[in-house]
Amino acid sequence: MTACASSTHLSPTIPANLMIPCPKLLKLESGQGKEITLWVVDTVAKYNECSTLNDAKIKALK
């Protein structure tokens, strides 16, 4: 009576556009104000992009 015990588990397919890695962060080269500001803006933009991508992956897996 174990006919139903070996059911097939289907894995969700993640769209190819969600399978890209998060962008690499730039290295902060100096401690000058302008350089720090540009680095922070770039880092926050990359974080937001990566966060959106990961949220979409989680949604696709649900």
N, C-alpha and C. Protein backbone atom coordinates (compact mmCIF):
# COMPACT_ATOMS: atom_id res chain seq x y z
N MET A 1 0.81 -1.19 0.00
CA MET A 1 0.00 0.00 0.00
C MET A 1 0.85 1.26 0.00
N THR A 2 1.91 1.22 -0.73
CA THR A 2 2.78 2.40 -0.83
C THR A 2 2.79 2.96 -2.24
N ALA A 3 1.72 2.78 -2.96
CA ALA A 3 1.66 3.24 -4.35
C ALA A 3 1.82 4.75 -4.46
N CYS A 4 1.35 5.49 -3.49
CA CYS A 4 1.44 6.95 -3.55
C CYS A 4 2.70 7.48 -2.88
N ALA A 5 3.48 6.62 -2.28
CA ALA A 5 4.65 7.05 -1.52
C ALA A 5 5.76 7.58 -2.40
N SER A 6 5.81 7.19 -3.64
CA SER A 6 6.91 7.64 -4.51
C SER A 6 6.42 8.66 -5.53
N SER A 7 5.77 9.71 -5.06
CA SER A 7 5.28 10.73 -5.97
C SER A 7 6.43 11.58 -6.49
N THR A 8 6.24 12.13 -7.65
CA THR A 8 7.27 12.96 -8.28
C THR A 8 7.17 14.39 -7.77
N HIS A 9 8.32 14.94 -7.39
CA HIS A 9 8.37 16.34 -6.93
C HIS A 9 8.85 17.20 -8.09
N LEU A 10 8.03 18.15 -8.48
CA LEU A 10 8.40 19.04 -9.58
C LEU A 10 9.11 20.27 -9.04
N SER A 11 10.25 20.57 -9.60
CA SER A 11 10.98 21.78 -9.24
C SER A 11 10.52 22.92 -10.13
N PRO A 12 10.29 24.09 -9.54
CA PRO A 12 9.88 25.22 -10.37
C PRO A 12 11.01 25.65 -11.31
N THR A 13 10.64 26.11 -12.47
CA THR A 13 11.62 26.60 -13.43
C THR A 13 11.84 28.09 -13.18
N ILE A 14 13.09 28.46 -12.97
CA ILE A 14 13.42 29.86 -12.76
C ILE A 14 13.74 30.47 -14.12
N PRO A 15 13.09 31.58 -14.47
CA PRO A 15 13.36 32.21 -15.76
C PRO A 15 14.84 32.60 -15.89
N ALA A 16 15.35 32.49 -17.10
CA ALA A 16 16.78 32.75 -17.36
C ALA A 16 17.19 34.17 -16.96
N ASN A 17 16.28 35.14 -17.11
CA ASN A 17 16.64 36.52 -16.77
C ASN A 17 16.81 36.72 -15.26
N LEU A 18 16.41 35.73 -14.45
CA LEU A 18 16.61 35.82 -13.01
C LEU A 18 17.85 35.05 -12.55
N MET A 19 18.51 34.39 -13.46
CA MET A 19 19.66 33.56 -13.12
C MET A 19 21.00 34.28 -13.29
N ILE A 20 20.97 35.58 -13.35
CA ILE A 20 22.21 36.35 -13.47
C ILE A 20 22.71 36.70 -12.07
N PRO A 21 24.01 36.74 -11.86
CA PRO A 21 24.54 37.08 -10.54
C PRO A 21 24.40 38.57 -10.25
N CYS A 22 24.46 38.91 -8.99
CA CYS A 22 24.43 40.32 -8.60
C CYS A 22 25.71 41.00 -9.10
N PRO A 23 25.62 42.30 -9.42
CA PRO A 23 26.81 43.00 -9.91
C PRO A 23 27.88 43.12 -8.82
N LYS A 24 29.13 43.12 -9.24
CA LYS A 24 30.26 43.27 -8.32
C LYS A 24 30.33 44.72 -7.85
N LEU A 25 30.71 44.89 -6.60
CA LEU A 25 30.86 46.23 -6.04
C LEU A 25 32.23 46.79 -6.38
N LEU A 26 32.27 48.09 -6.59
CA LEU A 26 33.54 48.77 -6.84
C LEU A 26 34.33 48.86 -5.54
N LYS A 27 35.63 48.90 -5.65
CA LYS A 27 36.49 49.09 -4.49
C LYS A 27 36.64 50.59 -4.26
N LEU A 28 36.48 51.00 -3.02
CA LEU A 28 36.66 52.41 -2.67
C LEU A 28 38.16 52.69 -2.66
N GLU A 29 38.59 53.55 -3.57
CA GLU A 29 40.02 53.79 -3.76
C GLU A 29 40.59 54.90 -2.87
N SER A 30 39.77 55.85 -2.47
CA SER A 30 40.28 56.94 -1.64
C SER A 30 39.23 57.34 -0.61
N GLY A 31 39.63 58.20 0.28
CA GLY A 31 38.71 58.66 1.31
C GLY A 31 38.19 60.06 1.04
N GLN A 32 38.36 60.54 -0.19
CA GLN A 32 37.89 61.88 -0.52
C GLN A 32 36.37 61.89 -0.64
N GLY A 33 35.78 62.99 -0.24
CA GLY A 33 34.32 63.12 -0.21
C GLY A 33 33.63 62.79 -1.51
N LYS A 34 34.15 63.34 -2.62
CA LYS A 34 33.52 63.10 -3.92
C LYS A 34 33.59 61.62 -4.28
N GLU A 35 34.74 61.00 -4.05
CA GLU A 35 34.92 59.58 -4.35
C GLU A 35 33.98 58.72 -3.51
N ILE A 36 33.86 59.06 -2.23
CA ILE A 36 32.96 58.31 -1.35
C ILE A 36 31.52 58.45 -1.81
N THR A 37 31.11 59.66 -2.17
CA THR A 37 29.74 59.90 -2.64
C THR A 37 29.44 59.07 -3.88
N LEU A 38 30.33 59.06 -4.86
CA LEU A 38 30.13 58.28 -6.08
C LEU A 38 30.07 56.79 -5.77
N TRP A 39 30.93 56.33 -4.86
CA TRP A 39 30.95 54.92 -4.47
C TRP A 39 29.64 54.52 -3.79
N VAL A 40 29.16 55.38 -2.88
CA VAL A 40 27.91 55.09 -2.17
C VAL A 40 26.74 55.02 -3.15
N VAL A 41 26.66 55.97 -4.07
CA VAL A 41 25.57 55.98 -5.06
C VAL A 41 25.61 54.70 -5.89
N ASP A 42 26.79 54.32 -6.35
CA ASP A 42 26.95 53.10 -7.16
C ASP A 42 26.58 51.85 -6.35
N THR A 43 27.05 51.80 -5.10
CA THR A 43 26.79 50.64 -4.25
C THR A 43 25.31 50.49 -3.94
N VAL A 44 24.64 51.58 -3.64
CA VAL A 44 23.20 51.53 -3.35
C VAL A 44 22.42 51.09 -4.59
N ALA A 45 22.80 51.59 -5.75
CA ALA A 45 22.12 51.20 -6.99
C ALA A 45 22.29 49.70 -7.24
N LYS A 46 23.50 49.19 -7.02
CA LYS A 46 23.75 47.76 -7.22
C LYS A 46 23.01 46.93 -6.18
N TYR A 47 22.95 47.41 -4.95
CA TYR A 47 22.18 46.71 -3.92
C TYR A 47 20.71 46.62 -4.32
N ASN A 48 20.14 47.73 -4.75
CA ASN A 48 18.73 47.74 -5.15
C ASN A 48 18.47 46.78 -6.30
N GLU A 49 19.37 46.75 -7.27
CA GLU A 49 19.25 45.83 -8.41
C GLU A 49 19.28 44.38 -7.93
N CYS A 50 20.22 44.07 -7.06
CA CYS A 50 20.37 42.71 -6.55
C CYS A 50 19.17 42.32 -5.68
N SER A 51 18.70 43.24 -4.86
CA SER A 51 17.55 42.98 -4.01
C SER A 51 16.31 42.68 -4.84
N THR A 52 16.09 43.46 -5.89
CA THR A 52 14.95 43.24 -6.78
C THR A 52 15.05 41.88 -7.45
N LEU A 53 16.24 41.54 -7.90
CA LEU A 53 16.47 40.25 -8.55
C LEU A 53 16.20 39.09 -7.58
N ASN A 54 16.69 39.20 -6.36
CA ASN A 54 16.47 38.14 -5.38
C ASN A 54 15.01 38.03 -4.97
N ASP A 55 14.32 39.15 -4.85
CA ASP A 55 12.89 39.11 -4.56
C ASP A 55 12.13 38.39 -5.66
N ALA A 56 12.51 38.64 -6.91
CA ALA A 56 11.86 37.97 -8.05
C ALA A 56 12.15 36.47 -8.03
N LYS A 57 13.36 36.08 -7.65
CA LYS A 57 13.69 34.66 -7.55
C LYS A 57 12.82 33.98 -6.49
N ILE A 58 12.69 34.63 -5.35
CA ILE A 58 11.87 34.07 -4.27
C ILE A 58 10.42 33.92 -4.73
N LYS A 59 9.92 34.93 -5.40
CA LYS A 59 8.54 34.89 -5.90
C LYS A 59 8.37 33.76 -6.92
N ALA A 60 9.36 33.56 -7.77
CA ALA A 60 9.29 32.50 -8.79
C ALA A 60 9.31 31.11 -8.17
N LEU A 61 9.96 30.98 -7.01
CA LEU A 61 10.05 29.68 -6.36
C LEU A 61 8.83 29.33 -5.51
N LYS A 62 8.00 30.30 -5.23
CA LYS A 62 6.81 30.04 -4.40
C LYS A 62 5.73 29.38 -5.20
